[in-house]
Protein backbone atom coordinates (compact mmCIF):
# COMPACT_ATOMS: atom_id res chain seq x y z
CA MET A 1 17.32 -16.55 2.81
CA ARG A 2 16.57 -15.54 -0.76
CA VAL A 3 13.01 -16.85 -0.41
CA ASN A 4 12.47 -14.78 2.74
CA THR A 5 13.85 -11.67 1.04
CA THR A 6 11.58 -12.17 -1.97
CA SER A 7 8.57 -12.69 0.27
CA ALA A 8 9.35 -9.54 2.25
CA THR A 9 9.77 -7.54 -0.95
CA GLU A 10 6.50 -8.84 -2.36
CA ALA A 11 4.71 -8.09 0.90
CA ARG A 12 6.09 -4.54 0.87
CA GLU A 13 4.95 -4.05 -2.73
CA ILE A 14 1.49 -5.40 -1.92
CA GLY A 15 1.28 -3.05 1.07
CA ASN A 16 2.27 -0.07 -1.08
CA ARG A 17 -0.35 -0.99 -3.65
CA ILE A 18 -3.02 -1.23 -0.96
CA VAL A 19 -2.08 2.20 0.38
CA VAL A 20 -2.17 3.76 -3.10
CA ALA A 21 -5.48 2.05 -3.83
CA GLY A 22 -6.93 3.29 -0.53
CA ILE A 23 -5.87 6.89 -1.20
CA ALA A 24 -7.24 6.70 -4.76
CA ALA A 25 -10.54 5.31 -3.43
CA ILE A 26 -10.88 8.17 -0.95
CA VAL A 27 -10.18 10.77 -3.63
CA LEU A 28 -12.66 9.08 -5.98
CA ILE A 29 -15.39 8.94 -3.32
CA LEU A 30 -14.92 12.61 -2.45
CA LEU A 31 -14.92 13.50 -6.14
CA ILE A 32 -18.19 11.66 -6.72
CA ALA A 33 -19.68 13.32 -3.63
CA ALA A 34 -18.58 16.73 -4.91
CA VAL A 35 -20.12 16.11 -8.35
CA LEU A 36 -23.42 14.95 -6.84
CA LEU A 37 -23.46 17.91 -4.47
CA PHE A 38 -22.86 20.48 -7.21
CA ILE A 39 -25.44 18.83 -9.47
CA ASN A 40 -28.11 19.02 -6.77
CA LEU A 41 -27.36 22.61 -5.81
CA PRO A 42 -29.95 25.05 -7.20
CA ASP A 43 -29.03 27.09 -10.26
CA ALA A 44 -27.57 30.45 -9.33
CA ASN A 45 -29.82 32.14 -11.94
CA ALA A 46 -32.99 30.34 -10.82
CA PHE A 47 -34.23 33.33 -8.84
CA ASN A 48 -33.44 35.74 -11.67
CA MET A 49 -35.33 33.54 -14.10
CA ARG A 50 -38.43 33.58 -11.89
CA VAL A 51 -38.24 37.36 -11.57
CA GLU A 52 -37.91 37.63 -15.34
CA GLN A 53 -40.97 35.38 -15.69
CA LEU A 54 -42.88 37.74 -13.39
CA PHE A 55 -41.93 40.66 -15.63
CA VAL A 56 -43.16 38.80 -18.71
CA GLU A 57 -46.39 37.48 -17.22
CA ASN A 58 -47.31 40.78 -15.53
CA ASP A 59 -46.61 43.36 -18.18
CA ASN A 60 -49.75 45.21 -17.07
CA LEU A 61 -48.06 46.31 -13.85
CA THR A 62 -47.47 49.95 -14.62
CA SER A 63 -47.75 51.80 -11.33
CA ASN A 64 -44.61 53.14 -9.66
CA ALA A 65 -45.06 50.93 -6.60
CA GLU A 66 -45.45 47.78 -8.69
CA ILE A 67 -42.45 48.63 -10.86
CA LYS A 68 -40.42 49.40 -7.73
CA LEU A 69 -41.38 45.99 -6.28
CA LEU A 70 -40.21 44.21 -9.44
CA GLU A 71 -36.91 46.10 -9.33
CA ILE A 72 -36.40 45.02 -5.71
CA LEU A 73 -37.11 41.43 -6.69
CA ALA A 74 -34.62 41.68 -9.55
CA GLY A 75 -31.95 43.07 -7.18
CA SER A 76 -32.67 40.29 -4.70
CA GLY A 77 -32.26 37.71 -7.47
CA THR A 78 -28.84 39.12 -8.36
CA ALA A 79 -27.76 39.07 -4.69
CA PHE A 80 -29.00 35.49 -4.34
CA SER A 81 -27.05 34.49 -7.45
CA ASP A 82 -23.82 36.05 -6.11
CA THR A 83 -24.31 34.42 -2.70
CA LEU A 84 -24.91 30.99 -4.19
CA SER A 85 -21.81 31.32 -6.38
CA SER A 86 -19.71 32.15 -3.34
CA TYR A 87 -21.21 29.16 -1.51
CA ARG A 88 -20.19 26.92 -4.40
CA PHE A 89 -16.62 28.18 -4.15
CA VAL A 90 -16.55 27.67 -0.36
CA ILE A 91 -17.89 24.12 -0.73
CA PHE A 92 -15.27 23.38 -3.37
CA VAL A 93 -12.45 24.66 -1.12
CA LEU A 94 -13.74 22.63 1.84
CA LEU A 95 -13.89 19.46 -0.26
CA VAL A 96 -10.33 19.99 -1.49
CA PHE A 97 -9.19 20.63 2.09
CA ALA A 98 -11.00 17.50 3.33
CA THR A 99 -9.38 15.42 0.59
CA ALA A 100 -5.93 16.74 1.45
CA MET A 101 -6.46 16.11 5.16
CA LEU A 102 -7.66 12.53 4.61
CA VAL A 103 -4.77 11.73 2.29
CA ALA A 104 -2.30 13.26 4.75
CA ALA A 105 -3.88 11.33 7.64
CA ILE A 106 -3.55 8.05 5.76
CA ALA A 107 0.04 8.84 4.78
CA PHE A 108 0.99 9.66 8.39
CA LEU A 109 -0.83 6.54 9.62
CA VAL A 110 1.09 4.36 7.18
CA MET A 111 4.38 6.03 8.19
CA LEU A 112 3.54 5.48 11.87
CA ILE A 113 2.74 1.80 11.27
CA ALA A 114 5.95 1.34 9.29
CA LEU A 115 7.97 3.09 12.01
CA THR A 116 6.36 0.93 14.70
CA ARG A 117 7.18 -2.22 12.77
CA ARG A 118 10.73 -1.01 12.22
CA MET A 119 11.19 -0.31 15.92
CA GLY A 120 9.80 -3.77 16.66
CA GLN A 121 12.35 -5.33 14.31
CA ILE A 122 15.13 -3.35 15.97
CA GLU A 123 13.98 -4.52 19.39
CA ARG A 124 13.91 -8.15 18.22
CA LYS A 125 17.06 -8.18 16.09
CA GLY A 126 19.16 -5.38 17.53
CA ILE A 127 20.74 -2.47 15.70
CA GLU A 128 21.22 -2.90 11.97
CA VAL A 129 24.90 -2.10 11.62
CA ASN A 130 26.34 -1.75 8.14
CA SER A 131 29.87 -0.96 9.29
CA LEU A 132 31.78 -0.92 12.57
CA LEU A 133 35.28 0.55 12.38
CA ILE A 134 37.36 0.60 15.54
CA SER A 135 40.35 2.96 15.46
CA ARG A 136 42.55 2.42 18.49
CA ASP A 137 44.97 5.18 17.52
CA GLN A 138 42.23 7.82 17.34
CA LYS A 139 40.30 6.27 20.25
CA ALA A 140 37.17 6.42 18.11
CA VAL A 141 34.49 4.08 16.85
CA TYR A 142 32.68 4.65 13.57
CA LEU A 143 29.26 3.02 13.74
CA ASN A 144 27.38 3.37 10.43
CA ASN A 145 29.69 6.32 9.70
CA PHE A 146 28.77 7.99 13.01
CA GLU A 147 31.83 8.79 15.09
CA PHE A 148 31.94 8.00 18.81
CA LYS A 149 34.90 9.16 20.89
CA LEU A 150 35.62 6.57 23.57
CA THR A 151 38.02 6.25 26.44
CA GLU A 152 40.98 3.92 26.11
CA ALA A 153 39.36 1.41 28.46
CA ALA A 154 36.13 1.47 26.45
CA ILE A 155 38.07 0.98 23.21
CA GLU A 156 39.84 -2.04 24.67
CA THR A 157 36.54 -3.56 25.85
CA LEU A 158 34.87 -3.00 22.49
CA SER A 159 37.90 -4.41 20.66
CA VAL A 160 37.79 -7.59 22.74
CA LEU A 161 34.08 -7.99 22.00
CA ALA A 162 34.66 -7.34 18.30
CA GLU A 163 37.43 -9.94 18.07
CA ALA A 164 35.25 -12.43 19.90
CA ARG A 165 32.34 -11.70 17.55
CA MET A 166 34.54 -12.35 14.51
CA ASP A 167 35.32 -15.76 16.02
CA ASP A 168 31.62 -16.33 16.92
CA ASP A 169 32.54 -16.46 20.60
CA VAL A 170 30.56 -15.33 23.64
CA MET A 171 32.75 -13.96 26.43
CA THR A 172 32.07 -13.85 30.12
CA GLY A 173 32.97 -10.89 32.24
CA ALA A 174 35.95 -12.76 33.65
CA GLU A 175 37.22 -13.63 30.18
CA ILE A 176 36.91 -10.00 29.07
CA GLU A 177 38.84 -8.84 32.12
CA GLY A 178 41.44 -11.56 31.54
CA VAL A 179 42.11 -10.58 27.92
CA ILE A 180 42.41 -6.88 28.75
CA SER A 181 44.51 -7.32 31.88
CA GLY A 182 46.63 -10.15 30.44
CA ARG A 183 45.76 -12.55 33.25
CA ASP A 184 44.09 -15.94 33.23
CA ALA A 185 40.30 -15.78 33.19
CA ALA A 186 40.12 -18.05 36.25
CA ASP A 187 42.02 -15.45 38.25
CA CYS A 188 39.69 -12.60 37.23
CA ASP A 189 36.47 -11.46 38.80
CA GLU A 190 33.26 -11.63 36.76
CA ALA A 191 32.15 -8.30 38.20
CA ALA A 192 35.23 -6.57 36.79
CA GLY A 193 34.27 -7.51 33.24
CA ALA A 194 30.63 -6.53 33.89
CA THR A 195 31.88 -3.15 35.10
CA ARG A 196 33.85 -2.70 31.87
CA ILE A 197 30.70 -3.50 29.86
CA LYS A 198 28.70 -1.01 31.88
CA ARG A 199 31.30 1.73 31.36
CA LEU A 200 31.37 0.99 27.62
CA ARG A 201 27.59 1.34 27.44
CA ASP A 202 27.72 4.56 29.42
CA THR A 203 30.40 5.92 27.09
CA LEU A 204 28.31 5.12 24.00
CA GLY A 205 25.65 7.30 25.59
CA ASN A 206 22.40 6.26 23.88
CA GLN A 207 20.90 3.69 26.24
CA MET A 208 18.77 1.90 23.64
CA MET A 209 21.63 1.73 21.14
CA SER A 210 24.17 0.46 23.65
CA GLU A 211 21.78 -2.11 25.12
CA LEU A 212 20.94 -3.48 21.67
CA LEU A 213 24.51 -3.34 20.36
CA ILE A 214 26.01 -5.24 23.29
CA LYS A 215 23.94 -8.31 24.08
CA ASN A 216 23.99 -9.99 27.46
CA ILE A 217 23.29 -13.68 26.99
CA ALA A 218 22.14 -15.24 30.22
CA ARG A 219 24.62 -17.66 31.82
CA LYS A 220 26.98 -17.33 28.86
CA GLY A 221 28.34 -13.81 28.67
CA TYR A 222 28.50 -10.83 26.33
CA MET A 223 28.68 -10.41 22.57
CA LEU A 224 28.13 -7.81 19.88
CA ALA A 225 24.72 -8.26 18.20
CA ILE A 226 25.98 -7.43 14.72
CA ASP A 227 27.17 -9.28 11.65
CA LYS A 228 30.84 -10.16 12.00
CA ASP A 229 31.50 -9.28 8.35
CA VAL A 230 30.93 -5.55 8.98
CA ILE A 231 33.61 -5.31 11.69
CA LYS A 232 36.93 -3.64 10.87
CA MET A 233 39.76 -2.79 13.23
CA VAL A 234 42.67 -0.43 12.52
C-alpha cells in the first residue's frame, strides 16, 4: 500500500510540474512574440524624421504655399506618431489579455480533468468517508461531519449495516429484516429488507451518495462501502 501511495504522490507531482511547465512555455512564447512584434513595428518618429529631412534638404522652399505644405506634413507626422503609440499600447493590452485567457483556459482544463478523474474514482470505489457517526438518541447520522436527520426505521437499518460492516459481513434483505424485527432470518421476507434499504436511501436524499454508500452485492446482499474503522455508534 505504501508503494502505491508513493507512486500516486509522485505521479501527482509530475503532473503538477508538467502543468507549470506548460503554462510557463505559453507565457514565454507569447513574450517572445510580443518582443518580435514590437521590434518590427515602425518607429513612431519615423514620419517626423522624414519631414525634418525634407525641411533640411529643401531650405529653398520659401513661398507661403510650400511652407504651408511642410507644416501640414509636420502635423501629419505628429498625428501618425500618436496613432502608432496608441496602437502599441492596444497590442500590449491584447497580448496580456491573450496570455491571461490561455493560462486560465489551461488551469480550468486541468481542474476539469482532475474533477473527472476524481468522479471516476468515486464511481469505482464509492464515497470516501472519513467518519460515520450514528446517534440513535438524536436520530441523526454524521457523515464526514454532515448531519442527516433520519427516521427511526432508517436509523435501525443503517445501524444494522454498520454493525455488519464492522464484522466484515454482507447481509441479505431477510437477515436485515430479521435483526430489526427480532425474528429468525428464515422466517423473514427478502423484499422486506430490500424495502428498508430503499427507504434508507430515500431518506438520505442524494441518489448518487446513497447508491454509492450502500452497496448491493449481487446474490449476497447489502453492505456499507466504507472503511469499518471510521464507523462509530453512540
